[in-house]
Amino acid sequence: LDSIARVILRPKPMESLSKVLWCCGDLMLILLMYRAFRAKLWKEYKYFYFYLATVSCQAVIRLAAAHDAALYFVVYWISEFLTGTIGFGVTWEIYRDVLMPYQGIRRMARAVVFGFLVAVLLRGMMEFAASPRRYPSTTLDVVRNLGVGEAILLIAMLGLIVHYAVPMGRNLRWMLTGYGVYIGSSIVSQTLQAQSRNIAAFGWALATQIEYCITLTLWCVGLWS
């Protein structure tokens, strides 16, 4: 998805792998968006496809900024924050559709989901105000905290689905599977990245590309219905 480090030196094999993943990710995004308009799935899952559209725009913007290392660095972290925040809408959409027949529980779930989102964002704003120069670390912490919250919410939803045998359609089931895989792998890589001495190293961007490609593959297979 992201040809990061065109401006950063790296081994040739890694550069080739990054380009391959970048191309594969973009092709799968185009395929998903095409399918969304062809089958009018975007009307059913507006948050999900808005998230995919944001990721697509993010890749284009990052590529346009790749000529300037300083500019790319800023664009990268801003786009990470935006996609991390918008991705929370995907979690809510899964909750909304699964709990559609249960209006009382659905309203409570909405309060919990958006309450957690606001809490994480407020904490991030306070950390940024206290130390503006540490915005990469602060942004990484916010995105990781959002991911942890989403993981907890998705696991709770999975528990409800299994325990109460809540019915799910094929599209929603694969959306949950793909996003769950992405969130889980992202938390691991972001935790390791936060403990690294160089959080902007190329290897972390490559890990993100691999996670996205796996997720997009699951979505391409599962949402073709």
Protein backbone atom coordinates (compact mmCIF):
# COMPACT_ATOMS: atom_id res chain seq x y z
CA LEU A 1 0.00 0.00 0.00
CA ASP A 2 2.75 2.35 0.82
CA SER A 3 6.04 2.82 -1.04
CA ILE A 4 7.64 4.42 2.01
CA ALA A 5 11.37 4.96 2.05
CA ARG A 6 11.87 5.86 -1.59
CA VAL A 7 13.86 8.55 0.13
CA ILE A 8 15.47 6.19 2.63
CA LEU A 9 18.41 3.93 1.82
CA ARG A 10 17.68 0.23 2.06
CA PRO A 11 18.84 -3.11 0.62
CA LYS A 12 17.80 -3.87 -2.97
CA PRO A 13 15.80 -7.05 -2.15
CA MET A 14 13.77 -5.10 0.41
CA GLU A 15 13.13 -2.36 -2.12
CA SER A 16 11.87 -4.88 -4.66
CA LEU A 17 9.62 -6.55 -2.09
CA SER A 18 8.20 -3.17 -1.08
CA LYS A 19 7.36 -2.32 -4.70
CA VAL A 20 5.69 -5.69 -5.25
CA LEU A 21 3.59 -5.32 -2.08
CA TRP A 22 2.75 -1.73 -3.00
CA CYS A 23 1.50 -2.77 -6.45
CA CYS A 24 -0.43 -5.79 -5.13
CA GLY A 25 -2.05 -3.70 -2.42
CA ASP A 26 -3.14 -1.00 -4.85
CA LEU A 27 -4.55 -3.57 -7.29
CA MET A 28 -6.57 -5.25 -4.55
CA LEU A 29 -7.86 -1.87 -3.34
CA ILE A 30 -8.98 -1.02 -6.86
CA LEU A 31 -10.63 -4.44 -7.14
CA LEU A 32 -12.49 -3.96 -3.85
CA MET A 33 -13.68 -0.48 -4.80
CA TYR A 34 -14.78 -1.72 -8.23
CA ARG A 35 -16.74 -4.54 -6.63
CA ALA A 36 -18.27 -2.10 -4.13
CA PHE A 37 -19.74 0.07 -6.90
CA ARG A 38 -20.62 -2.83 -9.18
CA ALA A 39 -22.57 -4.67 -6.46
CA LYS A 40 -23.56 -1.46 -4.62
CA LEU A 41 -21.98 -2.80 -1.44
CA TRP A 42 -20.85 0.69 -0.48
CA LYS A 43 -24.46 1.52 0.40
CA GLU A 44 -24.51 -1.29 2.95
CA TYR A 45 -21.05 -0.69 4.45
CA LYS A 46 -20.37 3.03 4.15
CA TYR A 47 -17.80 3.25 6.95
CA PHE A 48 -15.87 0.29 5.61
CA TYR A 49 -15.60 1.61 2.06
CA PHE A 50 -14.88 5.14 3.28
CA TYR A 51 -11.97 3.60 5.18
CA LEU A 52 -10.74 1.87 2.01
CA ALA A 53 -11.08 5.12 0.05
CA THR A 54 -9.04 6.91 2.73
CA VAL A 55 -6.31 4.27 2.53
CA SER A 56 -6.23 4.66 -1.27
CA CYS A 57 -5.88 8.45 -1.02
CA GLN A 58 -3.24 8.01 1.67
CA ALA A 59 -1.08 5.92 -0.66
CA VAL A 60 -1.31 8.56 -3.41
CA ILE A 61 -0.50 11.44 -1.06
CA ARG A 62 2.48 9.62 0.44
CA LEU A 63 3.81 8.83 -3.00
CA ALA A 64 3.49 12.50 -3.99
CA ALA A 65 5.43 13.53 -0.88
CA ALA A 66 8.17 10.90 -1.31
CA HIS A 67 10.53 13.36 -3.05
CA ASP A 68 11.10 15.23 0.22
CA ALA A 69 12.18 13.19 3.27
CA ALA A 70 11.07 15.82 5.82
CA LEU A 71 7.69 16.31 4.15
CA TYR A 72 7.17 12.58 3.82
CA PHE A 73 7.89 12.10 7.52
CA VAL A 74 5.15 14.58 8.50
CA VAL A 75 2.66 13.26 5.93
CA TYR A 76 3.29 9.69 7.03
CA TRP A 77 2.43 10.28 10.68
CA ILE A 78 -0.58 12.49 9.94
CA SER A 79 -2.01 9.88 7.58
CA GLU A 80 -1.35 7.13 10.15
CA PHE A 81 -3.38 9.06 12.69
CA LEU A 82 -6.26 9.71 10.27
CA THR A 83 -6.56 6.14 9.03
CA GLY A 84 -6.27 4.81 12.58
CA THR A 85 -9.14 7.06 13.69
CA ILE A 86 -11.33 6.40 10.65
CA GLY A 87 -10.71 2.66 11.01
CA PHE A 88 -12.62 2.79 14.28
CA GLY A 89 -15.71 3.32 12.14
CA VAL A 90 -15.25 -0.16 10.67
CA THR A 91 -15.48 -1.66 14.16
CA TRP A 92 -18.65 0.29 14.82
CA GLU A 93 -20.15 -0.81 11.50
CA ILE A 94 -19.57 -4.46 12.42
CA TYR A 95 -21.27 -3.86 15.78
CA ARG A 96 -24.11 -1.94 14.15
CA ASP A 97 -24.94 -4.66 11.64
CA VAL A 98 -24.57 -7.62 13.99
CA LEU A 99 -26.69 -5.97 16.70
CA MET A 100 -29.29 -4.57 14.30
CA PRO A 101 -32.12 -6.74 15.75
CA TYR A 102 -31.19 -5.75 19.33
CA GLN A 103 -31.74 -2.01 19.53
CA GLY A 104 -31.13 -1.61 23.28
CA ILE A 105 -27.79 -3.42 23.21
CA ARG A 106 -26.90 -1.58 20.01
CA ARG A 107 -27.37 1.83 21.64
CA MET A 108 -25.26 0.77 24.60
CA ALA A 109 -22.55 -0.56 22.28
CA ARG A 110 -22.53 2.72 20.34
CA ALA A 111 -21.94 4.67 23.56
CA VAL A 112 -19.09 2.35 24.54
CA VAL A 113 -17.41 2.40 21.11
CA PHE A 114 -17.49 6.16 20.62
CA GLY A 115 -16.78 6.85 24.29
CA PHE A 116 -13.57 4.85 24.01
CA LEU A 117 -12.64 6.65 20.78
CA VAL A 118 -13.08 10.08 22.38
CA ALA A 119 -11.10 9.03 25.47
CA VAL A 120 -8.12 7.84 23.41
CA LEU A 121 -8.12 10.96 21.23
CA LEU A 122 -8.32 13.28 24.24
CA ARG A 123 -5.42 11.51 25.89
CA GLY A 124 -3.40 11.79 22.67
CA MET A 125 -4.15 15.52 22.43
CA MET A 126 -2.96 16.05 26.00
CA GLU A 127 0.27 14.14 25.33
CA PHE A 128 0.86 16.12 22.15
CA ALA A 129 0.26 19.44 23.95
CA ALA A 130 2.73 18.42 26.65
CA SER A 131 5.47 17.46 24.16
CA PRO A 132 4.80 18.58 20.54
CA ARG A 133 8.22 17.46 19.29
CA ARG A 134 7.46 13.85 20.19
CA TYR A 135 4.53 13.68 17.78
CA PRO A 136 5.74 10.47 16.03
CA SER A 137 5.80 8.57 19.33
CA THR A 138 2.54 10.17 20.45
CA THR A 139 0.82 9.34 17.15
CA LEU A 140 2.09 5.76 17.31
CA ASP A 141 0.76 5.44 20.87
CA VAL A 142 -2.66 6.81 19.86
CA VAL A 143 -2.93 4.49 16.85
CA ARG A 144 -1.83 1.52 18.92
CA ASN A 145 -4.31 2.35 21.71
CA LEU A 146 -7.08 2.62 19.15
CA GLY A 147 -6.06 -0.77 17.80
CA VAL A 148 -6.06 -2.32 21.28
CA GLY A 149 -9.55 -0.90 21.89
CA GLU A 150 -10.78 -2.25 18.58
CA ALA A 151 -9.27 -5.65 19.32
CA ILE A 152 -11.08 -5.81 22.68
CA LEU A 153 -14.35 -4.76 21.07
CA LEU A 154 -14.00 -7.28 18.23
CA ILE A 155 -13.16 -10.11 20.63
CA ALA A 156 -16.21 -9.17 22.72
CA MET A 157 -18.34 -9.18 19.58
CA LEU A 158 -16.95 -12.57 18.54
CA GLY A 159 -17.81 -13.91 21.99
CA LEU A 160 -21.39 -12.68 21.64
CA ILE A 161 -21.70 -14.17 18.17
CA VAL A 162 -20.45 -17.59 19.30
CA HIS A 163 -22.30 -17.69 22.62
CA TYR A 164 -25.68 -16.53 21.33
CA ALA A 165 -25.33 -17.96 17.81
CA VAL A 166 -25.98 -14.54 16.28
CA PRO A 167 -26.41 -14.95 12.50
CA MET A 168 -23.92 -13.21 10.19
CA GLY A 169 -23.87 -12.84 6.42
CA ARG A 170 -20.83 -13.83 4.36
CA ASN A 171 -19.73 -10.24 3.72
CA LEU A 172 -19.87 -9.21 7.36
CA ARG A 173 -18.14 -12.40 8.49
CA TRP A 174 -15.19 -11.84 6.16
CA MET A 175 -15.06 -8.14 6.99
CA LEU A 176 -14.73 -9.09 10.67
CA THR A 177 -12.12 -11.78 9.90
CA GLY A 178 -9.95 -9.55 7.73
CA TYR A 179 -10.10 -6.54 10.02
CA GLY A 180 -9.46 -8.70 13.07
CA VAL A 181 -6.32 -10.15 11.46
CA TYR A 182 -5.10 -6.67 10.54
CA ILE A 183 -5.75 -5.18 14.00
CA GLY A 184 -4.05 -8.09 15.75
CA SER A 185 -0.93 -8.00 13.58
CA SER A 186 -0.80 -4.19 13.75
CA ILE A 187 -0.79 -4.19 17.55
CA VAL A 188 2.18 -6.56 17.57
CA SER A 189 4.19 -4.58 15.01
CA GLN A 190 3.32 -1.19 16.57
CA THR A 191 4.33 -2.41 20.02
CA LEU A 192 7.68 -3.58 18.67
CA GLN A 193 8.02 -0.32 16.73
CA ALA A 194 7.37 1.75 19.86
CA GLN A 195 10.19 -0.11 21.63
CA SER A 196 12.56 0.38 18.72
CA ARG A 197 15.19 3.09 18.72
CA ASN A 198 14.19 4.12 15.19
CA ILE A 199 10.39 4.16 14.84
CA ALA A 200 10.71 5.56 11.30
CA ALA A 201 12.84 2.66 10.01
CA PHE A 202 11.85 1.15 6.68
CA GLY A 203 11.21 -2.30 8.19
CA TRP A 204 8.15 -1.05 10.08
CA ALA A 205 6.57 0.32 6.90
CA LEU A 206 7.28 -2.99 5.20
CA ALA A 207 5.52 -4.82 8.04
CA THR A 208 2.49 -2.57 7.53
CA GLN A 209 2.46 -3.36 3.82
CA ILE A 210 2.49 -7.10 4.53
CA GLU A 211 -0.34 -6.78 7.07
CA TYR A 212 -2.46 -4.77 4.64
CA CYS A 213 -1.88 -7.20 1.77
CA ILE A 214 -2.96 -10.17 3.89
CA THR A 215 -6.06 -8.28 5.01
CA LEU A 216 -6.92 -7.12 1.49
CA THR A 217 -6.55 -10.69 0.21
CA LEU A 218 -9.08 -11.91 2.80
CA TRP A 219 -11.46 -9.10 1.87
CA CYS A 220 -11.13 -9.71 -1.86
CA VAL A 221 -11.99 -13.38 -1.35
CA GLY A 222 -14.73 -12.87 1.22
CA LEU A 223 -16.50 -9.78 -0.12
CA TRP A 224 -16.91 -11.18 -3.62
CA SER A 225 -20.51 -12.11 -2.85
